[in-house]
Protein backbone atom coordinates (compact mmCIF):
# COMPACT_ATOMS: atom_id res chain seq x y z
CA MET A 1 -3.59 47.53 45.93
CA PRO A 2 -0.76 45.09 45.27
CA TYR A 3 2.96 45.65 45.29
CA VAL A 4 5.27 44.94 42.38
CA VAL A 5 8.57 43.83 43.89
CA VAL A 6 11.62 43.75 41.62
CA THR A 7 14.82 42.09 42.77
CA GLY A 8 18.01 42.16 40.74
CA TRP A 9 21.42 40.76 41.51
CA TYR A 10 24.85 40.65 39.95
CA PRO A 11 28.47 39.88 40.82
CA THR A 12 30.55 42.82 42.03
CA ASP A 13 33.00 42.52 39.15
CA ILE A 14 30.43 43.89 36.66
CA GLU A 15 29.59 47.01 38.70
CA LYS A 16 31.26 49.28 36.11
CA GLU A 17 28.94 47.90 33.43
CA ILE A 18 25.79 47.97 35.55
CA THR A 19 25.97 51.56 36.85
CA PRO A 20 26.03 53.44 33.51
CA LYS A 21 23.46 51.06 32.01
CA TYR A 22 21.22 51.57 35.06
CA LEU A 23 21.43 55.36 34.69
CA GLU A 24 20.59 55.03 30.99
CA MET A 25 17.62 52.79 31.87
CA VAL A 26 16.26 55.34 34.36
CA LYS A 27 16.37 58.03 31.66
CA GLN A 28 14.67 55.79 29.10
CA TYR A 29 12.08 54.37 31.52
CA PRO A 30 11.50 56.95 34.28
CA PHE A 31 9.04 56.12 37.04
CA ASP A 32 5.47 56.44 35.80
CA ARG A 33 3.41 57.97 38.59
CA SER A 34 0.19 57.01 36.81
CA LEU A 35 0.97 53.38 37.74
CA GLY A 36 1.50 53.82 41.46
CA LYS A 37 3.87 55.02 44.16
CA GLU A 38 7.56 54.20 44.54
CA THR A 39 7.50 52.69 48.02
CA ILE A 40 11.19 51.75 47.73
CA PRO A 41 12.76 53.35 44.63
CA VAL A 42 15.93 51.24 44.97
CA ALA A 43 17.66 49.67 47.95
CA ILE A 44 21.05 47.95 47.68
CA SER A 45 22.66 45.21 49.73
CA THR A 46 25.90 43.30 49.27
CA ASN A 47 27.31 39.99 50.37
CA LYS A 48 30.11 37.63 49.31
CA LYS A 49 28.18 36.65 46.18
CA GLY A 50 27.66 40.20 44.90
CA VAL A 51 25.12 43.00 44.87
CA LYS A 52 21.36 42.73 45.31
CA ALA A 53 18.97 45.54 44.39
CA LEU A 54 15.34 45.84 45.49
CA ALA A 55 12.56 48.13 44.25
CA VAL A 56 8.92 48.16 45.39
CA MET A 57 5.95 49.88 43.76
CA ASP A 58 2.55 50.26 45.43
CA VAL A 59 0.34 49.77 42.35
CA LYS A 60 -2.78 51.84 41.73
CA GLU A 61 -6.13 50.14 41.29
CA GLY A 62 -6.47 48.66 37.79
CA LYS A 63 -2.83 49.30 36.84
CA LEU A 64 -1.21 45.97 37.72
CA GLN A 65 -0.61 44.72 34.17
CA ASP A 66 0.75 48.12 33.09
CA ALA A 67 3.05 48.19 36.13
CA LEU A 68 4.35 44.70 35.35
CA ASN A 69 4.98 45.67 31.73
CA TRP A 70 6.86 48.81 32.80
CA ALA A 71 9.01 46.86 35.29
CA SER A 72 9.73 44.18 32.69
CA LYS A 73 10.89 46.74 30.12
CA ARG A 74 13.33 48.17 32.67
CA MET A 75 14.76 44.77 33.57
CA VAL A 76 15.07 43.58 29.97
CA PHE A 77 17.02 46.78 29.26
CA LEU A 78 19.73 45.49 31.64
CA GLN A 79 19.60 41.90 30.40
CA SER A 80 22.37 42.43 27.82
CA ILE A 81 24.87 42.52 30.70
CA LYS A 82 26.27 39.07 31.39
CA GLY A 83 25.76 38.22 35.07
CA TRP A 84 22.67 40.40 35.57
CA GLU A 85 19.70 38.43 36.93
CA TYR A 86 16.29 39.56 38.12
CA LYS A 87 12.84 38.52 39.18
CA ILE A 88 9.56 40.40 39.30
CA ARG A 89 6.90 39.34 41.78
CA VAL A 90 3.46 40.58 42.78
CA TRP A 91 2.86 40.75 46.54
CA SER A 92 -0.55 41.27 48.10
CA THR A 93 -1.22 43.72 50.89
CA ILE A 94 -2.40 42.18 54.15
CA GLY A 95 -5.89 43.47 53.43
CA GLU A 96 -5.95 41.74 50.03
CA ALA A 97 -4.60 38.51 51.51
CA LEU A 98 -7.17 38.51 54.31
CA GLU A 99 -9.95 39.26 51.85
CA LEU A 100 -9.07 36.10 49.92
CA THR A 101 -9.65 34.08 53.10
CA GLY A 102 -12.95 35.82 53.83
CA VAL A 103 -11.55 37.71 56.84
CA ASN A 104 -12.03 41.47 57.12
CA SER A 105 -8.91 43.55 57.55
CA PRO A 106 -8.59 45.14 60.99
CA GLY A 107 -9.09 48.90 61.15
């Protein structure tokens, strides 16, 4: 099953806008366990350019489009904040990637 990986970033000077909006977003769009498992609910890192947030969901079989829609709704909710940027990507598991090449996954 694939992973939906969401990365968001913003400058540190908008932290006071991001935090309450994030908490509001979590209330409006709580994690939907029917879509998968929160492998990384949220991880945060900082550097000289600002703050970077990462979330990873291990998506259940047949739920990829629903998971992408859910993640998109959450990110669009934050889009009204100037400086907020994000990307949503689908990552394959090693087993899925090997399967595409015709190689069986070990184990």
